[in-house]
Amino acid sequence: MKIEVEIPDWTEERTIYIMAGIELVAYREPGKKWKIKAGRCNLCGKCCMNLGKRHPFPVIDGRCIYLIRESKTTYECGLRISRPFGCCVGIPQNMPECTEIYKEL
């Protein structure tokens, strides 16, 4: 799918996100090229486990309290569409299991 849209110049100084529901599809940081999702999340839940003590959401034993098991191998956010924006646009770093991949245009 190709989308063309004219947006105001002041957005050059901001990160721009394109979402499909609560899933990040593409983003552009100020002064950089667009990054488009090339690999979707495998729902392993690792990004919501082993969280630091300074994480802004409720955490018990390093795990977000909203993380729920959907099947034997998959997890999802129990907040569904009410999931915080930061969780929707956060990109896991240094997580070899992560299948969410973005390619630069």
PDB file of N, CA and C in Angstrom:
ATOM      1  N   MET A   1       0.842  -1.167   0.000  1.00  0.00           N
ATOM      2  CA  MET A   1       0.000   0.000   0.000  1.00  0.00           C
ATOM      3  C   MET A   1       0.892   1.236   0.000  1.00  0.00           C
ATOM      4  N   LYS A   2       0.529   2.203  -0.774  1.00  0.00           N
ATOM      5  CA  LYS A   2       1.260   3.455  -0.814  1.00  0.00           C
ATOM      6  C   LYS A   2       0.342   4.564  -0.314  1.00  0.00           C
ATOM      7  N   ILE A   3       0.881   5.385   0.593  1.00  0.00           N
ATOM      8  CA  ILE A   3       0.117   6.502   1.150  1.00  0.00           C
ATOM      9  C   ILE A   3       0.869   7.788   0.849  1.00  0.00           C
ATOM     10  N   GLU A   4       0.172   8.754   0.296  1.00  0.00           N
ATOM     11  CA  GLU A   4       0.763  10.067   0.076  1.00  0.00           C
ATOM     12  C   GLU A   4      -0.093  11.083   0.811  1.00  0.00           C
ATOM     13  N   VAL A   5       0.581  11.901   1.631  1.00  0.00           N
ATOM     14  CA  VAL A   5      -0.151  12.900   2.405  1.00  0.00           C
ATOM     15  C   VAL A   5       0.760  14.102   2.630  1.00  0.00           C
ATOM     16  N   GLU A   6       0.188  15.272   2.554  1.00  0.00           N
ATOM     17  CA  GLU A   6       0.913  16.522   2.795  1.00  0.00           C
ATOM     18  C   GLU A   6       0.759  16.869   4.266  1.00  0.00           C
ATOM     19  N   ILE A   7       1.880  17.022   4.985  1.00  0.00           N
ATOM     20  CA  ILE A   7       1.806  17.371   6.401  1.00  0.00           C
ATOM     21  C   ILE A   7       2.567  18.669   6.645  1.00  0.00           C
ATOM     22  N   PRO A   8       2.254  19.379   7.728  1.00  0.00           N
ATOM     23  CA  PRO A   8       2.871  20.690   8.000  1.00  0.00           C
ATOM     24  C   PRO A   8       4.385  20.598   8.211  1.00  0.00           C
ATOM     25  N   ASP A   9       5.081  21.669   7.857  1.00  0.00           N
ATOM     26  CA  ASP A   9       6.539  21.717   7.983  1.00  0.00           C
ATOM     27  C   ASP A   9       7.031  21.573   9.421  1.00  0.00           C
ATOM     28  N   TRP A  10       6.233  22.021  10.402  1.00  0.00           N
ATOM     29  CA  TRP A  10       6.689  21.943  11.789  1.00  0.00           C
ATOM     30  C   TRP A  10       6.926  20.504  12.247  1.00  0.00           C
ATOM     31  N   THR A  11       6.390  19.527  11.523  1.00  0.00           N
ATOM     32  CA  THR A  11       6.588  18.118  11.909  1.00  0.00           C
ATOM     33  C   THR A  11       8.006  17.634  11.649  1.00  0.00           C
ATOM     34  N   GLU A  12       8.788  18.403  10.904  1.00  0.00           N
ATOM     35  CA  GLU A  12      10.187  18.031  10.643  1.00  0.00           C
ATOM     36  C   GLU A  12      10.976  17.860  11.929  1.00  0.00           C
ATOM     37  N   GLU A  13      10.559  18.555  12.986  1.00  0.00           N
ATOM     38  CA  GLU A  13      11.265  18.524  14.269  1.00  0.00           C
ATOM     39  C   GLU A  13      10.718  17.460  15.218  1.00  0.00           C
ATOM     40  N   ARG A  14       9.800  16.647  14.750  1.00  0.00           N
ATOM     41  CA  ARG A  14       9.150  15.647  15.604  1.00  0.00           C
ATOM     42  C   ARG A  14       9.277  14.255  14.992  1.00  0.00           C
ATOM     43  N   THR A  15       9.183  13.253  15.839  1.00  0.00           N
ATOM     44  CA  THR A  15       9.103  11.881  15.334  1.00  0.00           C
ATOM     45  C   THR A  15       7.679  11.662  14.850  1.00  0.00           C
ATOM     46  N   ILE A  16       7.542  11.048  13.691  1.00  0.00           N
ATOM     47  CA  ILE A  16       6.234  10.772  13.105  1.00  0.00           C
ATOM     48  C   ILE A  16       6.027   9.257  13.110  1.00  0.00           C
ATOM     49  N   TYR A  17       4.846   8.834  13.550  1.00  0.00           N
ATOM     50  CA  TYR A  17       4.511   7.413  13.624  1.00  0.00           C
ATOM     51  C   TYR A  17       3.309   7.114  12.734  1.00  0.00           C
ATOM     52  N   ILE A  18       3.324   5.959  12.079  1.00  0.00           N
ATOM     53  CA  ILE A  18       2.159   5.460  11.348  1.00  0.00           C
ATOM     54  C   ILE A  18       1.770   4.151  12.022  1.00  0.00           C
ATOM     55  N   MET A  19       0.511   4.097  12.466  1.00  0.00           N
ATOM     56  CA  MET A  19       0.017   2.953  13.223  1.00  0.00           C
ATOM     57  C   MET A  19      -1.071   2.216  12.453  1.00  0.00           C
ATOM     58  N   ALA A  20      -1.180   0.913  12.714  1.00  0.00           N
ATOM     59  CA  ALA A  20      -2.303   0.092  12.262  1.00  0.00           C
ATOM     60  C   ALA A  20      -2.913  -0.444  13.551  1.00  0.00           C
ATOM     61  N   GLY A  21      -3.943   0.229  14.043  1.00  0.00           N
ATOM     62  CA  GLY A  21      -4.471  -0.104  15.370  1.00  0.00           C
ATOM     63  C   GLY A  21      -3.422   0.275  16.403  1.00  0.00           C
ATOM     64  N   ILE A  22      -2.989  -0.687  17.218  1.00  0.00           N
ATOM     65  CA  ILE A  22      -1.961  -0.419  18.227  1.00  0.00           C
ATOM     66  C   ILE A  22      -0.578  -0.874  17.768  1.00  0.00           C
ATOM     67  N   GLU A  23      -0.455  -1.274  16.507  1.00  0.00           N
ATOM     68  CA  GLU A  23       0.828  -1.766  15.991  1.00  0.00           C
ATOM     69  C   GLU A  23       1.539  -0.701  15.151  1.00  0.00           C
ATOM     70  N   LEU A  24       2.788  -0.447  15.485  1.00  0.00           N
ATOM     71  CA  LEU A  24       3.606   0.500  14.732  1.00  0.00           C
ATOM     72  C   LEU A  24       3.960  -0.106  13.377  1.00  0.00           C
ATOM     73  N   VAL A  25       3.697   0.642  12.311  1.00  0.00           N
ATOM     74  CA  VAL A  25       3.966   0.179  10.945  1.00  0.00           C
ATOM     75  C   VAL A  25       5.192   0.877  10.366  1.00  0.00           C
ATOM     76  N   ALA A  26       5.354   2.167  10.684  1.00  0.00           N
ATOM     77  CA  ALA A  26       6.480   2.937  10.170  1.00  0.00           C
ATOM     78  C   ALA A  26       6.696   4.153  11.073  1.00  0.00           C
ATOM     79  N   TYR A  27       7.929   4.668  11.031  1.00  0.00           N
ATOM     80  CA  TYR A  27       8.222   5.882  11.787  1.00  0.00           C
ATOM     81  C   TYR A  27       9.391   6.620  11.150  1.00  0.00           C
ATOM     82  N   ARG A  28       9.460   7.906  11.457  1.00  0.00           N
ATOM     83  CA  ARG A  28      10.569   8.733  10.992  1.00  0.00           C
ATOM     84  C   ARG A  28      10.981   9.663  12.111  1.00  0.00           C
ATOM     85  N   GLU A  29      12.249   9.586  12.481  1.00  0.00           N
ATOM     86  CA  GLU A  29      12.796  10.481  13.498  1.00  0.00           C
ATOM     87  C   GLU A  29      13.303  11.739  12.803  1.00  0.00           C
ATOM     88  N   PRO A  30      13.363  12.872  13.523  1.00  0.00           N
ATOM     89  CA  PRO A  30      13.799  14.126  12.909  1.00  0.00           C
ATOM     90  C   PRO A  30      15.157  13.998  12.218  1.00  0.00           C
ATOM     91  N   GLY A  31      15.216  14.450  10.979  1.00  0.00           N
ATOM     92  CA  GLY A  31      16.460  14.454  10.214  1.00  0.00           C
ATOM     93  C   GLY A  31      16.895  13.096   9.689  1.00  0.00           C
ATOM     94  N   LYS A  32      16.071  12.063   9.866  1.00  0.00           N
ATOM     95  CA  LYS A  32      16.427  10.713   9.407  1.00  0.00           C
ATOM     96  C   LYS A  32      15.435  10.214   8.373  1.00  0.00           C
ATOM     97  N   LYS A  33      15.740   9.077   7.778  1.00  0.00           N
ATOM     98  CA  LYS A  33      14.863   8.480   6.776  1.00  0.00           C
ATOM     99  C   LYS A  33      13.759   7.665   7.452  1.00  0.00           C
ATOM    100  N   TRP A  34      12.697   7.396   6.696  1.00  0.00           N
ATOM    101  CA  TRP A  34      11.606   6.563   7.181  1.00  0.00           C
ATOM    102  C   TRP A  34      12.092   5.145   7.436  1.00  0.00           C
ATOM    103  N   LYS A  35      11.534   4.509   8.470  1.00  0.00           N
ATOM    104  CA  LYS A  35      11.772   3.090   8.749  1.00  0.00           C
ATOM    105  C   LYS A  35      10.421   2.394   8.686  1.00  0.00           C
ATOM    106  N   ILE A  36      10.367   1.338   7.872  1.00  0.00           N
ATOM    107  CA  ILE A  36       9.132   0.608   7.629  1.00  0.00           C
ATOM    108  C   ILE A  36       9.249  -0.791   8.226  1.00  0.00           C
ATOM    109  N   LYS A  37       8.191  -1.268   8.853  1.00  0.00           N
ATOM    110  CA  LYS A  37       8.219  -2.595   9.478  1.00  0.00           C
ATOM    111  C   LYS A  37       8.420  -3.672   8.420  1.00  0.00           C
ATOM    112  N   ALA A  38       9.421  -4.507   8.623  1.00  0.00           N
ATOM    113  CA  ALA A  38       9.725  -5.594   7.699  1.00  0.00           C
ATOM    114  C   ALA A  38       9.517  -6.954   8.362  1.00  0.00           C
ATOM    115  N   GLY A  39       9.398  -6.969   9.679  1.00  0.00           N
ATOM    116  CA  GLY A  39       9.165  -8.210  10.415  1.00  0.00           C
ATOM    117  C   GLY A  39       8.275  -7.925  11.608  1.00  0.00           C
ATOM    118  N   ARG A  40       7.170  -8.639  11.701  1.00  0.00           N
ATOM    119  CA  ARG A  40       6.204  -8.391  12.776  1.00  0.00           C
ATOM    120  C   ARG A  40       6.594  -9.091  14.071  1.00  0.00           C
ATOM    121  N   CYS A  41       6.013  -8.622  15.144  1.00  0.00           N
ATOM    122  CA  CYS A  41       6.228  -9.171  16.479  1.00  0.00           C
ATOM    123  C   CYS A  41       5.765 -10.633  16.524  1.00  0.00           C
ATOM    124  N   ASN A  42       6.567 -11.495  17.175  1.00  0.00           N
ATOM    125  CA  ASN A  42       6.186 -12.901  17.315  1.00  0.00           C
ATOM    126  C   ASN A  42       5.454 -13.168  18.633  1.00  0.00           C
ATOM    127  N   LEU A  43       5.160 -12.110  19.381  1.00  0.00           N
ATOM    128  CA  LEU A  43       4.398 -12.164  20.627  1.00  0.00           C
ATOM    129  C   LEU A  43       5.073 -13.010  21.711  1.00  0.00           C
ATOM    130  N   CYS A  44       6.404 -12.978  21.744  1.00  0.00           N
ATOM    131  CA  CYS A  44       7.140 -13.757  22.749  1.00  0.00           C
ATOM    132  C   CYS A  44       7.015 -13.149  24.138  1.00  0.00           C
ATOM    133  N   GLY A  45       6.715 -11.843  24.235  1.00  0.00           N
ATOM    134  CA  GLY A  45       6.520 -11.175  25.514  1.00  0.00           C
ATOM    135  C   GLY A  45       7.800 -10.757  26.220  1.00  0.00           C
ATOM    136  N   LYS A  46       8.953 -11.062  25.661  1.00  0.00           N
ATOM    137  CA  LYS A  46      10.234 -10.766  26.317  1.00  0.00           C
ATOM    138  C   LYS A  46      10.421  -9.269  26.592  1.00  0.00           C
ATOM    139  N   CYS A  47       9.861  -8.412  25.734  1.00  0.00           N
ATOM    140  CA  CYS A  47      10.019  -6.968  25.925  1.00  0.00           C
ATOM    141  C   CYS A  47       9.250  -6.470  27.151  1.00  0.00           C
ATOM    142  N   CYS A  48       8.323  -7.254  27.656  1.00  0.00           N
ATOM    143  CA  CYS A  48       7.542  -6.864  28.832  1.00  0.00           C
ATOM    144  C   CYS A  48       7.956  -7.656  30.075  1.00  0.00           C
ATOM    145  N   MET A  49       9.025  -8.434  29.935  1.00  0.00           N
ATOM    146  CA  MET A  49       9.587  -9.196  31.052  1.00  0.00           C
ATOM    147  C   MET A  49      10.967  -8.610  31.363  1.00  0.00           C
ATOM    148  N   ASN A  50      11.459  -8.841  32.525  1.00  0.00           N
ATOM    149  CA  ASN A  50      12.770  -8.336  32.938  1.00  0.00           C
ATOM    150  C   ASN A  50      12.862  -6.818  32.804  1.00  0.00           C
ATOM    151  N   LEU A  51      11.816  -6.128  33.207  1.00  0.00           N
ATOM    152  CA  LEU A  51      11.787  -4.664  33.148  1.00  0.00           C
ATOM    153  C   LEU A  51      12.511  -4.091  34.361  1.00  0.00           C
ATOM    154  N   GLY A  52      13.085  -2.934  34.175  1.00  0.00           N
ATOM    155  CA  GLY A  52      13.793  -2.274  35.263  1.00  0.00           C
ATOM    156  C   GLY A  52      12.855  -1.727  36.320  1.00  0.00           C
ATOM    157  N   LYS A  53      13.418  -1.385  37.458  1.00  0.00           N
ATOM    158  CA  LYS A  53      12.617  -0.850  38.568  1.00  0.00           C
ATOM    159  C   LYS A  53      12.033   0.517  38.245  1.00  0.00           C
ATOM    160  N   ARG A  54      12.650   1.243  37.329  1.00  0.00           N
ATOM    161  CA  ARG A  54      12.165   2.589  36.995  1.00  0.00           C
ATOM    162  C   ARG A  54      11.184   2.581  35.830  1.00  0.00           C
ATOM    163  N   HIS A  55      10.677   1.450  35.487  1.00  0.00           N
ATOM    164  CA  HIS A  55       9.700   1.354  34.403  1.00  0.00           C
ATOM    165  C   HIS A  55       8.436   2.088  34.841  1.00  0.00           C
ATOM    166  N   PRO A  56       7.800   2.864  33.950  1.00  0.00           N
ATOM    167  CA  PRO A  56       6.647   3.684  34.358  1.00  0.00           C
ATOM    168  C   PRO A  56       5.348   2.914  34.610  1.00  0.00           C
ATOM    169  N   PHE A  57       5.296   1.631  34.257  1.00  0.00           N
ATOM    170  CA  PHE A  57       4.070   0.854  34.435  1.00  0.00           C
ATOM    171  C   PHE A  57       4.243  -0.147  35.568  1.00  0.00           C
ATOM    172  N   PRO A  58       3.145  -0.614  36.164  1.00  0.00           N
ATOM    173  CA  PRO A  58       3.252  -1.551  37.285  1.00  0.00           C
ATOM    174  C   PRO A  58       4.000  -2.831  36.900  1.00  0.00           C
ATOM    175  N   VAL A  59       5.007  -3.150  37.691  1.00  0.00           N
ATOM    176  CA  VAL A  59       5.859  -4.308  37.428  1.00  0.00           C
ATOM    177  C   VAL A  59       5.974  -5.142  38.699  1.00  0.00           C
ATOM    178  N   ILE A  60       5.834  -6.452  38.560  1.00  0.00           N
ATOM    179  CA  ILE A  60       6.036  -7.373  39.677  1.00  0.00           C
ATOM    180  C   ILE A  60       7.082  -8.389  39.240  1.00  0.00           C
ATOM    181  N   ASP A  61       8.128  -8.510  40.018  1.00  0.00           N
ATOM    182  CA  ASP A  61       9.235  -9.412  39.701  1.00  0.00           C
ATOM    183  C   ASP A  61       9.767  -9.184  38.287  1.00  0.00           C
ATOM    184  N   GLY A  62       9.849  -7.915  37.879  1.00  0.00           N
ATOM    185  CA  GLY A  62      10.405  -7.557  36.584  1.00  0.00           C
ATOM    186  C   GLY A  62       9.453  -7.681  35.415  1.00  0.00           C
ATOM    187  N   ARG A  63       8.238  -8.095  35.663  1.00  0.00           N
ATOM    188  CA  ARG A  63       7.288  -8.352  34.577  1.00  0.00           C
ATOM    189  C   ARG A  63       6.094  -7.391  34.679  1.00  0.00           C
ATOM    190  N   CYS A  64       5.699  -6.822  33.540  1.00  0.00           N
ATOM    191  CA  CYS A  64       4.540  -5.927  33.509  1.00  0.00           C
ATOM    192  C   CYS A  64       3.300  -6.707  33.951  1.00  0.00           C
ATOM    193  N   ILE A  65       2.507  -6.108  34.818  1.00  0.00           N
ATOM    194  CA  ILE A  65       1.332  -6.818  35.336  1.00  0.00           C
ATOM    195  C   ILE A  65       0.242  -7.018  34.275  1.00  0.00           C
ATOM    196  N   TYR A  66       0.327  -6.288  33.164  1.00  0.00           N
ATOM    197  CA  TYR A  66      -0.692  -6.408  32.120  1.00  0.00           C
ATOM    198  C   TYR A  66      -0.371  -7.488  31.082  1.00  0.00           C
ATOM    199  N   LEU A  67       0.802  -8.063  31.154  1.00  0.00           N
ATOM    200  CA  LEU A  67       1.195  -9.103  30.198  1.00  0.00           C
ATOM    201  C   LEU A  67       0.437 -10.392  30.522  1.00  0.00           C
ATOM    202  N   ILE A  68      -0.288 -10.905  29.538  1.00  0.00           N
ATOM    203  CA  ILE A  68      -1.043 -12.139  29.749  1.00  0.00           C
ATOM    204  C   ILE A  68      -0.652 -13.188  28.712  1.00  0.00           C
ATOM    205  N   ARG A  69      -0.683 -14.429  29.128  1.00  0.00           N
ATOM    206  CA  ARG A  69      -0.364 -15.543  28.224  1.00  0.00           C
ATOM    207  C   ARG A  69      -1.590 -15.837  27.370  1.00  0.00           C
ATOM    208  N   GLU A  70      -1.382 -15.850  26.053  1.00  0.00           N
ATOM    209  CA  GLU A  70      -2.467 -16.155  25.118  1.00  0.00           C
ATOM    210  C   GLU A  70      -2.451 -17.623  24.713  1.00  0.00           C
ATOM    211  N   SER A  71      -1.267 -18.194  24.614  1.00  0.00           N
ATOM    212  CA  SER A  71      -1.121 -19.604  24.255  1.00  0.00           C
ATOM    213  C   SER A  71       0.134 -20.122  24.935  1.00  0.00           C
ATOM    214  N   LYS A  72       0.548 -21.309  24.571  1.00  0.00           N
ATOM    215  CA  LYS A  72       1.742 -21.904  25.176  1.00  0.00           C
ATOM    216  C   LYS A  72       2.997 -21.084  24.900  1.00  0.00           C
ATOM    217  N   THR A  73       3.025 -20.388  23.765  1.00  0.00           N
ATOM    218  CA  THR A  73       4.230 -19.648  23.369  1.00  0.00           C
ATOM    219  C   THR A  73       4.026 -18.159  23.123  1.00  0.00           C
ATOM    220  N   THR A  74       2.803 -17.656  23.270  1.00  0.00           N
ATOM    221  CA  THR A  74       2.573 -16.245  22.961  1.00  0.00           C
ATOM    222  C   THR A  74       1.958 -15.487  24.145  1.00  0.00           C
ATOM    223  N   TYR A  75       2.289 -14.195  24.179  1.00  0.00           N
ATOM    224  CA  TYR A  75       1.789 -13.282  25.206  1.00  0.00           C
ATOM    225  C   TYR A  75       1.246 -12.042  24.519  1.00  0.00           C
ATOM    226  N   GLU A  76       0.302 -11.385  25.172  1.00  0.00           N
ATOM    227  CA  GLU A  76      -0.214 -10.120  24.669  1.00  0.00           C
ATOM    228  C   GLU A  76      -0.487  -9.187  25.832  1.00  0.00           C
ATOM    229  N   CYS A  77      -0.648  -7.922  25.514  1.00  0.00           N
ATOM    230  CA  CYS A  77      -0.972  -6.929  26.536  1.00  0.00           C
ATOM    231  C   CYS A  77      -2.457  -7.047  26.872  1.00  0.00           C
ATOM    232  N   GLY A  78      -2.749  -7.215  28.144  1.00  0.00           N
ATOM    233  CA  GLY A  78      -4.129  -7.314  28.590  1.00  0.00           C
ATOM    234  C   GLY A  78      -4.909  -6.020  28.450  1.00  0.00           C
ATOM    235  N   LEU A  79      -4.209  -4.916  28.239  1.00  0.00           N
ATOM    236  CA  LEU A  79      -4.889  -3.634  28.073  1.00  0.00           C
ATOM    237  C   LEU A  79      -5.486  -3.475  26.671  1.00  0.00           C
ATOM    238  N   ARG A  80      -5.059  -4.337  25.739  1.00  0.00           N
ATOM    239  CA  ARG A  80      -5.536  -4.299  24.349  1.00  0.00           C
ATOM    240  C   ARG A  80      -5.438  -2.883  23.761  1.00  0.00           C
ATOM    241  N   ILE A  81      -6.531  -2.325  23.298  1.00  0.00           N
ATOM    242  CA  ILE A  81      -6.527  -1.018  22.637  1.00  0.00           C
ATOM    243  C   ILE A  81      -6.190   0.117  23.612  1.00  0.00           C
ATOM    244  N   SER A  82      -6.250  -0.139  24.898  1.00  0.00           N
ATOM    245  CA  SER A  82      -5.906   0.879  25.903  1.00  0.00           C
ATOM    246  C   SER A  82      -4.431   0.842  26.279  1.00  0.00           C
ATOM    247  N   ARG A  83      -3.657   0.049  25.572  1.00  0.00           N
ATOM    248  CA  ARG A  83      -2.221  -0.049  25.836  1.00  0.00           C
ATOM    249  C   ARG A  83      -1.578   1.327  25.689  1.00  0.00           C
ATOM    250  N   PRO A  84      -0.672   1.692  26.607  1.00  0.00           N
ATOM    251  CA  PRO A  84      -0.030   3.005  26.533  1.00  0.00           C
ATOM    252  C   PRO A  84       0.721   3.208  25.206  1.00  0.00           C
ATOM    253  N   PHE A  85       0.678   4.439  24.716  1.00  0.00           N
ATOM    254  CA  PHE A  85       1.325   4.773  23.448  1.00  0.00           C
ATOM    255  C   PHE A  85       2.806   4.402  23.455  1.00  0.00           C
ATOM    256  N   GLY A  86       3.492   4.645  24.563  1.00  0.00           N
ATOM    257  CA  GLY A  86       4.920   4.317  24.662  1.00  0.00           C
ATOM    258  C   GLY A  86       5.199   2.848  24.417  1.00  0.00           C
ATOM    259  N   CYS A  87       4.284   1.984  24.828  1.00  0.00           N
ATOM    260  CA  CYS A  87       4.449   0.550  24.585  1.00  0.00           C
ATOM    261  C   CYS A  87       4.205   0.221  23.109  1.00  0.00           C
ATOM    262  N   CYS A  88       3.318   0.958  22.478  1.00  0.00           N
ATOM    263  CA  CYS A  88       3.005   0.717  21.067  1.00  0.00           C
ATOM    264  C   CYS A  88       4.156   1.104  20.142  1.00  0.00           C
ATOM    265  N   VAL A  89       4.874   2.167  20.495  1.00  0.00           N
ATOM    266  CA  VAL A  89       5.931   2.656  19.605  1.00  0.00           C
ATOM    267  C   VAL A  89       7.331   2.281  20.079  1.00  0.00           C
ATOM    268  N   GLY A  90       7.429   1.652  21.236  1.00  0.00           N
ATOM    269  CA  GLY A  90       8.737   1.233  21.734  1.00  0.00           C
ATOM    270  C   GLY A  90       9.316   0.126  20.882  1.00  0.00           C
ATOM    271  N   ILE A  91      10.595   0.223  20.589  1.00  0.00           N
ATOM    272  CA  ILE A  91      11.269  -0.788  19.770  1.00  0.00           C
ATOM    273  C   ILE A  91      12.305  -1.483  20.647  1.00  0.00           C
ATOM    274  N   PRO A  92      12.131  -2.787  20.891  1.00  0.00           N
ATOM    275  CA  PRO A  92      13.072  -3.493  21.758  1.00  0.00           C
ATOM    276  C   PRO A  92      14.513  -3.388  21.263  1.00  0.00           C
ATOM    277  N   GLN A  93      15.416  -3.164  22.195  1.00  0.00           N
ATOM    278  CA  GLN A  93      16.840  -3.047  21.881  1.00  0.00           C
ATOM    279  C   GLN A  93      17.584  -4.222  22.518  1.00  0.00           C
ATOM    280  N   ASN A  94      18.608  -4.697  21.859  1.00  0.00           N
ATOM    281  CA  ASN A  94      19.452  -5.765  22.398  1.00  0.00           C
ATOM    282  C   ASN A  94      18.645  -6.980  22.847  1.00  0.00           C
ATOM    283  N   MET A  95      17.704  -7.406  22.021  1.00  0.00           N
ATOM    284  CA  MET A  95      16.880  -8.552  22.327  1.00  0.00           C
ATOM    285  C   MET A  95      16.919  -9.507  21.132  1.00  0.00           C
ATOM    286  N   PRO A  96      17.824 -10.484  21.162  1.00  0.00           N
ATOM    287  CA  PRO A  96      18.011 -11.373  20.009  1.00  0.00           C
ATOM    288  C   PRO A  96      16.744 -12.113  19.576  1.00  0.00           C
ATOM    289  N   GLU A  97      15.824 -12.379  20.506  1.00  0.00           N
ATOM    290  CA  GLU A  97      14.601 -13.113  20.176  1.00  0.00           C
ATOM    291  C   GLU A  97      13.606 -12.282  19.383  1.00  0.00           C
ATOM    292  N   CYS A  98      13.777 -10.971  19.405  1.00  0.00           N
ATOM    293  CA  CYS A  98      12.787 -10.078  18.801  1.00  0.00           C
ATOM    294  C   CYS A  98      12.755 -10.221  17.277  1.00  0.00           C
ATOM    295  N   THR A  99      11.555 -10.374  16.752  1.00  0.00           N
ATOM    296  CA  THR A  99      11.357 -10.519  15.304  1.00  0.00           C
ATOM    297  C   THR A  99      10.802  -9.245  14.673  1.00  0.00           C
ATOM    298  N   GLU A 100      10.589  -8.227  15.517  1.00  0.00           N
ATOM    299  CA  GLU A 100      10.090  -6.955  15.002  1.00  0.00           C
ATOM    300  C   GLU A 100      11.272  -6.194  14.405  1.00  0.00           C
ATOM    301  N   ILE A 101      11.239  -6.040  13.088  1.00  0.00           N
ATOM    302  CA  ILE A 101      12.376  -5.463  12.361  1.00  0.00           C
ATOM    303  C   ILE A 101      11.888  -4.300  11.499  1.00  0.00           C
ATOM    304  N   TYR A 102      12.688  -3.252  11.439  1.00  0.00           N
ATOM    305  CA  TYR A 102      12.370  -2.085  10.603  1.00  0.00           C
ATOM    306  C   TYR A 102      13.496  -1.865   9.615  1.00  0.00           C
ATOM    307  N   LYS A 103      13.119  -1.630   8.357  1.00  0.00           N
ATOM    308  CA  LYS A 103      14.099  -1.365   7.296  1.00  0.00           C
ATOM    309  C   LYS A 103      14.002   0.100   6.899  1.00  0.00           C
ATOM    310  N   GLU A 104      15.141   0.702   6.654  1.00  0.00           N
ATOM    311  CA  GLU A 104      15.194   2.100   6.249  1.00  0.00           C
ATOM    312  C   GLU A 104      14.815   2.224   4.778  1.00  0.00           C
ATOM    313  N   LEU A 105      14.020   3.236   4.461  1.00  0.00           N
ATOM    314  CA  LEU A 105      13.648   3.497   3.061  1.00  0.00           C
ATOM    315  C   LEU A 105      14.796   4.142   2.320  1.00  0.00           C
TER     316      LEU A 105
END
